[in-house]
C-alpha atoms as a PDB file:
ATOM      1  CA  UNK A   1       0.035  -0.018  -0.056  1.00  0.00           C
ATOM      2  CA  UNK A   2       1.150   3.425  -0.813  1.00  0.00           C
ATOM      3  CA  UNK A   3       1.356   5.641   2.067  1.00  0.00           C
ATOM      4  CA  UNK A   4       0.006   9.169   1.601  1.00  0.00           C
ATOM      5  CA  UNK A   5       1.111  12.189   3.783  1.00  0.00           C
ATOM      6  CA  UNK A   6      -1.286  15.111   3.778  1.00  0.00           C
ATOM      7  CA  UNK A   7       0.917  18.472   4.087  1.00  0.00           C
ATOM      8  CA  UNK A   8      -0.733  20.807   6.690  1.00  0.00           C
ATOM      9  CA  UNK A   9       1.026  23.707   4.668  1.00  0.00           C
ATOM     10  CA  UNK A  10      -2.175  23.642   2.828  1.00  0.00           C
ATOM     11  CA  UNK A  11      -4.604  23.203   5.498  1.00  0.00           C
ATOM     12  CA  UNK A  12      -6.635  26.012   7.205  1.00  0.00           C
ATOM     13  CA  UNK A  13      -4.517  27.071  10.084  1.00  0.00           C
ATOM     14  CA  UNK A  14      -7.693  28.781  11.765  1.00  0.00           C
ATOM     15  CA  UNK A  15      -9.307  25.476  12.001  1.00  0.00           C
ATOM     16  CA  UNK A  16      -5.917  23.477  11.972  1.00  0.00           C
ATOM     17  CA  UNK A  17      -7.152  20.984  14.866  1.00  0.00           C
ATOM     18  CA  UNK A  18     -10.430  20.114  12.862  1.00  0.00           C
ATOM     19  CA  UNK A  19      -8.660  19.579   9.617  1.00  0.00           C
ATOM     20  CA  UNK A  20      -6.261  17.210  11.052  1.00  0.00           C
ATOM     21  CA  UNK A  21      -8.968  15.376  12.983  1.00  0.00           C
ATOM     22  CA  UNK A  22     -10.865  15.161   9.600  1.00  0.00           C
ATOM     23  CA  UNK A  23      -7.965  12.792   8.448  1.00  0.00           C
ATOM     24  CA  UNK A  24      -8.308  10.236  11.275  1.00  0.00           C
ATOM     25  CA  UNK A  25      -9.619   6.879  10.361  1.00  0.00           C
ATOM     26  CA  UNK A  26      -7.641   6.676   6.836  1.00  0.00           C
ATOM     27  CA  UNK A  27      -5.080   3.898   6.487  1.00  0.00           C
ATOM     28  CA  UNK A  28      -1.474   4.088   5.692  1.00  0.00           C
ATOM     29  CA  UNK A  29      -1.451   7.948   6.227  1.00  0.00           C
ATOM     30  CA  UNK A  30       1.225  10.293   7.736  1.00  0.00           C
ATOM     31  CA  UNK A  31       1.009  13.908   8.567  1.00  0.00           C
ATOM     32  CA  UNK A  32       3.500  15.761   6.948  1.00  0.00           C
ATOM     33  CA  UNK A  33       4.887  18.974   8.639  1.00  0.00           C
ATOM     34  CA  UNK A  34       7.166  21.283   6.666  1.00  0.00           C
ATOM     35  CA  UNK A  35       9.389  23.333   9.017  1.00  0.00           C
ATOM     36  CA  UNK A  36      10.787  26.268   7.236  1.00  0.00           C
ATOM     37  CA  UNK A  37      13.313  28.759   8.673  1.00  0.00           C
ATOM     38  CA  UNK A  38      13.357  31.690   6.138  1.00  0.00           C
ATOM     39  CA  UNK A  39      17.171  31.019   5.483  1.00  0.00           C
ATOM     40  CA  UNK A  40      17.703  27.491   3.998  1.00  0.00           C
ATOM     41  CA  UNK A  41      14.210  28.474   2.166  1.00  0.00           C
ATOM     42  CA  UNK A  42      12.740  31.914   1.607  1.00  0.00           C
ATOM     43  CA  UNK A  43       9.523  30.812   3.372  1.00  0.00           C
ATOM     44  CA  UNK A  44       8.741  30.622   7.063  1.00  0.00           C
ATOM     45  CA  UNK A  45       6.195  28.308   8.414  1.00  0.00           C
ATOM     46  CA  UNK A  46       5.672  26.846  12.019  1.00  0.00           C
ATOM     47  CA  UNK A  47       8.257  26.030  14.536  1.00  0.00           C
ATOM     48  CA  UNK A  48       8.741  23.349  17.543  1.00  0.00           C
ATOM     49  CA  UNK A  49       5.877  24.777  19.811  1.00  0.00           C
ATOM     50  CA  UNK A  50       3.310  23.945  17.036  1.00  0.00           C
ATOM     51  CA  UNK A  51       4.733  20.797  16.190  1.00  0.00           C
ATOM     52  CA  UNK A  52       4.442  19.843  20.079  1.00  0.00           C
ATOM     53  CA  UNK A  53       1.021  20.865  20.181  1.00  0.00           C
ATOM     54  CA  UNK A  54       0.058  18.834  17.016  1.00  0.00           C
ATOM     55  CA  UNK A  55       1.517  15.632  18.488  1.00  0.00           C
ATOM     56  CA  UNK A  56      -0.963  16.014  21.419  1.00  0.00           C
ATOM     57  CA  UNK A  57      -4.170  16.104  19.403  1.00  0.00           C
ATOM     58  CA  UNK A  58      -3.688  13.223  16.743  1.00  0.00           C
ATOM     59  CA  UNK A  59      -2.539   9.516  16.397  1.00  0.00           C
ATOM     60  CA  UNK A  60      -1.622   9.973  13.022  1.00  0.00           C
ATOM     61  CA  UNK A  61       2.266   9.072  12.595  1.00  0.00           C
ATOM     62  CA  UNK A  62       3.915  12.791  12.265  1.00  0.00           C
ATOM     63  CA  UNK A  63       6.240  13.183   9.232  1.00  0.00           C
ATOM     64  CA  UNK A  64       8.585  16.152   9.941  1.00  0.00           C
ATOM     65  CA  UNK A  65      10.289  17.906   6.767  1.00  0.00           C
ATOM     66  CA  UNK A  66      12.982  20.098   7.964  1.00  0.00           C
ATOM     67  CA  UNK A  67      13.788  22.853   5.570  1.00  0.00           C
ATOM     68  CA  UNK A  68      16.183  24.657   7.718  1.00  0.00           C
ATOM     69  CA  UNK A  69      20.033  25.735   7.992  1.00  0.00           C
ATOM     70  CA  UNK A  70      20.382  23.971  11.203  1.00  0.00           C
ATOM     71  CA  UNK A  71      18.905  20.588  11.325  1.00  0.00           C
ATOM     72  CA  UNK A  72      20.822  19.139  14.170  1.00  0.00           C
ATOM     73  CA  UNK A  73      19.006  22.049  16.667  1.00  0.00           C
ATOM     74  CA  UNK A  74      15.596  20.949  15.594  1.00  0.00           C
ATOM     75  CA  UNK A  75      16.327  17.096  15.502  1.00  0.00           C
ATOM     76  CA  UNK A  76      17.359  17.393  19.228  1.00  0.00           C
ATOM     77  CA  UNK A  77      14.729  19.764  20.527  1.00  0.00           C
ATOM     78  CA  UNK A  78      11.883  17.742  18.717  1.00  0.00           C
ATOM     79  CA  UNK A  79      13.035  14.426  20.220  1.00  0.00           C
ATOM     80  CA  UNK A  80      10.169  14.222  22.722  1.00  0.00           C
ATOM     81  CA  UNK A  81       7.568  15.231  20.214  1.00  0.00           C
ATOM     82  CA  UNK A  82       6.379  11.679  19.235  1.00  0.00           C
ATOM     83  CA  UNK A  83       7.449  12.147  15.807  1.00  0.00           C
ATOM     84  CA  UNK A  84       7.360   9.227  13.466  1.00  0.00           C
ATOM     85  CA  UNK A  85       9.952  10.085  10.799  1.00  0.00           C
ATOM     86  CA  UNK A  86      12.054  13.321  10.472  1.00  0.00           C
ATOM     87  CA  UNK A  87      13.763  14.419   7.264  1.00  0.00           C
ATOM     88  CA  UNK A  88      16.477  16.794   6.726  1.00  0.00           C
ATOM     89  CA  UNK A  89      18.079  18.146   3.510  1.00  0.00           C
ATOM     90  CA  UNK A  90      21.543  16.766   2.329  1.00  0.00           C
ATOM     91  CA  UNK A  91      22.298  20.230   1.189  1.00  0.00           C
ATOM     92  CA  UNK A  92      21.914  21.631   4.602  1.00  0.00           C
ATOM     93  CA  UNK A  93      24.503  19.077   6.233  1.00  0.00           C
ATOM     94  CA  UNK A  94      28.107  18.533   5.606  1.00  0.00           C
ATOM     95  CA  UNK A  95      28.109  15.034   7.583  1.00  0.00           C
ATOM     96  CA  UNK A  96      24.657  13.482   6.761  1.00  0.00           C
ATOM     97  CA  UNK A  97      25.803  10.382   8.189  1.00  0.00           C
ATOM     98  CA  UNK A  98      26.720  11.526  11.588  1.00  0.00           C
ATOM     99  CA  UNK A  99      23.321  13.409  11.612  1.00  0.00           C
ATOM    100  CA  UNK A 100      21.364  10.287  10.608  1.00  0.00           C
ATOM    101  CA  UNK A 101      23.156   8.366  13.613  1.00  0.00           C
ATOM    102  CA  UNK A 102      22.276  11.289  15.909  1.00  0.00           C
ATOM    103  CA  UNK A 103      18.347  11.277  14.867  1.00  0.00           C
ATOM    104  CA  UNK A 104      18.045   7.446  15.069  1.00  0.00           C
ATOM    105  CA  UNK A 105      18.704   7.826  18.706  1.00  0.00           C
ATOM    106  CA  UNK A 106      15.228   9.536  19.043  1.00  0.00           C
ATOM    107  CA  UNK A 107      13.021   8.896  16.125  1.00  0.00           C
ATOM    108  CA  UNK A 108      11.839   5.508  14.381  1.00  0.00           C
ATOM    109  CA  UNK A 109      12.631   6.622  11.052  1.00  0.00           C
ATOM    110  CA  UNK A 110      15.085   9.116   9.574  1.00  0.00           C
ATOM    111  CA  UNK A 111      15.134  10.509   6.130  1.00  0.00           C
ATOM    112  CA  UNK A 112      17.175  12.536   3.684  1.00  0.00           C
ATOM    113  CA  UNK A 113      15.844  15.029   1.144  1.00  0.00           C
ATOM    114  CA  UNK A 114      17.297  16.464  -1.768  1.00  0.00           C
ATOM    115  CA  UNK A 115      15.945  19.508  -3.915  1.00  0.00           C
ATOM    116  CA  UNK A 116      15.438  19.499  -7.800  1.00  0.00           C
ATOM    117  CA  UNK A 117      18.640  20.530  -8.944  1.00  0.00           C
ATOM    118  CA  UNK A 118      20.438  18.073  -6.427  1.00  0.00           C
ATOM    119  CA  UNK A 119      21.354  14.802  -8.220  1.00  0.00           C
ATOM    120  CA  UNK A 120      20.708  11.422  -6.565  1.00  0.00           C
ATOM    121  CA  UNK A 121      24.443  10.771  -7.042  1.00  0.00           C
ATOM    122  CA  UNK A 122      25.280  13.281  -4.168  1.00  0.00           C
ATOM    123  CA  UNK A 123      23.577  10.879  -1.678  1.00  0.00           C
ATOM    124  CA  UNK A 124      26.627   8.481  -0.916  1.00  0.00           C
ATOM    125  CA  UNK A 125      25.608   4.836  -0.955  1.00  0.00           C
ATOM    126  CA  UNK A 126      26.362   4.635   2.939  1.00  0.00           C
ATOM    127  CA  UNK A 127      24.092   7.305   3.514  1.00  0.00           C
ATOM    128  CA  UNK A 128      21.647   5.610   1.501  1.00  0.00           C
ATOM    129  CA  UNK A 129      22.079   2.414   3.577  1.00  0.00           C
ATOM    130  CA  UNK A 130      21.628   4.050   6.835  1.00  0.00           C
ATOM    131  CA  UNK A 131      18.638   6.284   6.135  1.00  0.00           C
ATOM    132  CA  UNK A 132      15.025   4.979   6.291  1.00  0.00           C
ATOM    133  CA  UNK A 133      13.613   7.523   3.639  1.00  0.00           C
ATOM    134  CA  UNK A 134      14.405   9.446   0.664  1.00  0.00           C
ATOM    135  CA  UNK A 135      12.511  12.526  -0.015  1.00  0.00           C
ATOM    136  CA  UNK A 136      12.663  13.582  -3.815  1.00  0.00           C
ATOM    137  CA  UNK A 137      11.314  17.248  -3.879  1.00  0.00           C
ATOM    138  CA  UNK A 138       9.524  17.468  -7.248  1.00  0.00           C
ATOM    139  CA  UNK A 139       9.174  21.415  -6.711  1.00  0.00           C
ATOM    140  CA  UNK A 140      11.518  24.027  -5.244  1.00  0.00           C
ATOM    141  CA  UNK A 141      11.085  23.794  -1.434  1.00  0.00           C
ATOM    142  CA  UNK A 142       9.636  26.782   0.266  1.00  0.00           C
ATOM    143  CA  UNK A 143       5.976  27.241  -1.134  1.00  0.00           C
ATOM    144  CA  UNK A 144       3.048  25.119  -1.467  1.00  0.00           C
ATOM    145  CA  UNK A 145       0.872  24.722  -4.495  1.00  0.00           C
ATOM    146  CA  UNK A 146       3.563  24.608  -7.213  1.00  0.00           C
ATOM    147  CA  UNK A 147       3.575  22.790 -10.538  1.00  0.00           C
ATOM    148  CA  UNK A 148       5.271  19.303 -10.413  1.00  0.00           C
ATOM    149  CA  UNK A 149       8.863  18.933 -12.033  1.00  0.00           C
ATOM    150  CA  UNK A 150       8.959  15.775 -14.372  1.00  0.00           C
ATOM    151  CA  UNK A 151      12.647  15.571 -13.702  1.00  0.00           C
ATOM    152  CA  UNK A 152      11.663  14.150 -10.371  1.00  0.00           C
ATOM    153  CA  UNK A 153      10.657  10.991 -12.079  1.00  0.00           C
ATOM    154  CA  UNK A 154      14.081   9.977 -13.178  1.00  0.00           C
ATOM    155  CA  UNK A 155      15.529  10.343  -9.660  1.00  0.00           C
ATOM    156  CA  UNK A 156      13.010   8.062  -8.459  1.00  0.00           C
ATOM    157  CA  UNK A 157      13.675   5.645 -10.900  1.00  0.00           C
ATOM    158  CA  UNK A 158      17.445   5.846 -10.029  1.00  0.00           C
ATOM    159  CA  UNK A 159      16.868   5.362  -6.346  1.00  0.00           C
ATOM    160  CA  UNK A 160      14.624   2.242  -7.089  1.00  0.00           C
ATOM    161  CA  UNK A 161      17.518   0.874  -9.112  1.00  0.00           C
ATOM    162  CA  UNK A 162      20.010   1.686  -6.252  1.00  0.00           C
ATOM    163  CA  UNK A 163      17.537  -0.442  -4.047  1.00  0.00           C
ATOM    164  CA  UNK A 164      17.358  -3.294  -6.259  1.00  0.00           C
ATOM    165  CA  UNK A 165      21.119  -3.409  -7.036  1.00  0.00           C
ATOM    166  CA  UNK A 166      22.263  -2.950  -3.607  1.00  0.00           C
ATOM    167  CA  UNK A 167      19.539  -4.658  -1.577  1.00  0.00           C
ATOM    168  CA  UNK A 168      18.862  -1.208   0.324  1.00  0.00           C
ATOM    169  CA  UNK A 169      15.786  -0.713   2.157  1.00  0.00           C
ATOM    170  CA  UNK A 170      14.432   2.782   2.420  1.00  0.00           C
ATOM    171  CA  UNK A 171      11.073   4.546   1.502  1.00  0.00           C
ATOM    172  CA  UNK A 172      11.005   6.832  -1.727  1.00  0.00           C
ATOM    173  CA  UNK A 173       8.856   9.833  -0.910  1.00  0.00           C
ATOM    174  CA  UNK A 174       8.001  12.405  -3.343  1.00  0.00           C
ATOM    175  CA  UNK A 175       6.664  16.040  -2.551  1.00  0.00           C
ATOM    176  CA  UNK A 176       5.436  18.811  -4.701  1.00  0.00           C
ATOM    177  CA  UNK A 177       2.542  19.149  -7.216  1.00  0.00           C
ATOM    178  CA  UNK A 178       1.225  15.713  -6.313  1.00  0.00           C
ATOM    179  CA  UNK A 179      -2.423  14.894  -7.618  1.00  0.00           C
ATOM    180  CA  UNK A 180      -4.226  12.121  -9.091  1.00  0.00           C
ATOM    181  CA  UNK A 181      -2.588  12.312 -12.399  1.00  0.00           C
ATOM    182  CA  UNK A 182       1.097  13.146 -11.246  1.00  0.00           C
ATOM    183  CA  UNK A 183       0.607  10.440  -8.320  1.00  0.00           C
ATOM    184  CA  UNK A 184       0.439   7.702 -10.797  1.00  0.00           C
ATOM    185  CA  UNK A 185       3.639   8.646 -12.719  1.00  0.00           C
ATOM    186  CA  UNK A 186       5.554   8.556  -9.462  1.00  0.00           C
ATOM    187  CA  UNK A 187       3.992   5.293  -8.392  1.00  0.00           C
ATOM    188  CA  UNK A 188       4.913   3.774 -11.463  1.00  0.00           C
ATOM    189  CA  UNK A 189       8.522   5.061 -11.069  1.00  0.00           C
ATOM    190  CA  UNK A 190       8.929   3.663  -7.751  1.00  0.00           C
ATOM    191  CA  UNK A 191       7.677   6.008  -5.191  1.00  0.00           C
ATOM    192  CA  UNK A 192       5.897   4.650  -2.153  1.00  0.00           C
ATOM    193  CA  UNK A 193       5.136   7.502  -0.196  1.00  0.00           C
ATOM    194  CA  UNK A 194       3.401  10.675  -1.712  1.00  0.00           C
ATOM    195  CA  UNK A 195       3.059  14.067   0.063  1.00  0.00           C
ATOM    196  CA  UNK A 196      -0.220  16.259  -0.966  1.00  0.00           C
ATOM    197  CA  UNK A 197      -1.226  19.437   0.160  1.00  0.00           C
ATOM    198  CA  UNK A 198      -3.415  21.521  -1.650  1.00  0.00           C
ATOM    199  CA  UNK A 199      -4.995  18.380  -3.577  1.00  0.00           C
ATOM    200  CA  UNK A 200      -6.330  17.195  -0.369  1.00  0.00           C
ATOM    201  CA  UNK A 201      -7.028  20.144   1.894  1.00  0.00           C
ATOM    202  CA  UNK A 202      -8.626  22.567  -0.921  1.00  0.00           C
ATOM    203  CA  UNK A 203     -11.809  20.124  -0.555  1.00  0.00           C
ATOM    204  CA  UNK A 204     -14.482  19.746   2.114  1.00  0.00           C
ATOM    205  CA  UNK A 205     -13.317  17.934   5.162  1.00  0.00           C
ATOM    206  CA  UNK A 206     -15.932  15.071   4.305  1.00  0.00           C
ATOM    207  CA  UNK A 207     -14.043  14.562   0.893  1.00  0.00           C
ATOM    208  CA  UNK A 208     -10.652  14.116   2.386  1.00  0.00           C
ATOM    209  CA  UNK A 209     -10.904  10.351   2.339  1.00  0.00           C
ATOM    210  CA  UNK A 210     -11.899  10.137  -1.383  1.00  0.00           C
ATOM    211  CA  UNK A 211      -9.148  12.443  -2.576  1.00  0.00           C
ATOM    212  CA  UNK A 212      -6.543  10.685  -0.481  1.00  0.00           C
ATOM    213  CA  UNK A 213      -7.773   7.103  -2.049  1.00  0.00           C
ATOM    214  CA  UNK A 214      -7.494   8.614  -5.430  1.00  0.00           C
ATOM    215  CA  UNK A 215      -3.574   9.080  -4.924  1.00  0.00           C
ATOM    216  CA  UNK A 216      -3.071   5.103  -4.320  1.00  0.00           C
END
């Protein structure tokens, strides 16, 4: 089953608790939380206090995507927030393997992400062997609602080939411009975890489940 990770960046923040609770009951679901610091990416979102509050109101596994210049700080500060997966950017860390080892002390799963202009080859094989998830950005990180970049397809295929060649076991997640059409493209390429924001949250809460299932 393909896991769907609704991104709350597209939710109604005046009714955030209600939007999150409307997702309860869907199988194979993560809740995707984009943390932006205004430095690594030009936009800013929410920080540690909001994530800690969200962790208290839902049983959906939390999937935190750190788009920050200092992922080490956030990884340590969020360690008691009941997060299922935490992902940091390869471009933000000079020693990704060391940071993965640190994060694995606190989180069930640890992922690494690459921007659209970063080739898969930049991720060293020993890093791939130790991470639980690779997030392929199919838009430039920083803002929701962007159009899917087809170059992500080849990256997903490369990651799937590396998995098969070296018997690696990591989730292939894709984020950016995911809808019922692009979802099929990335699934066929090998992705098994899809982040979607606007496609889900632009609808009435009663329709969330239908749109989530359409991505599978």
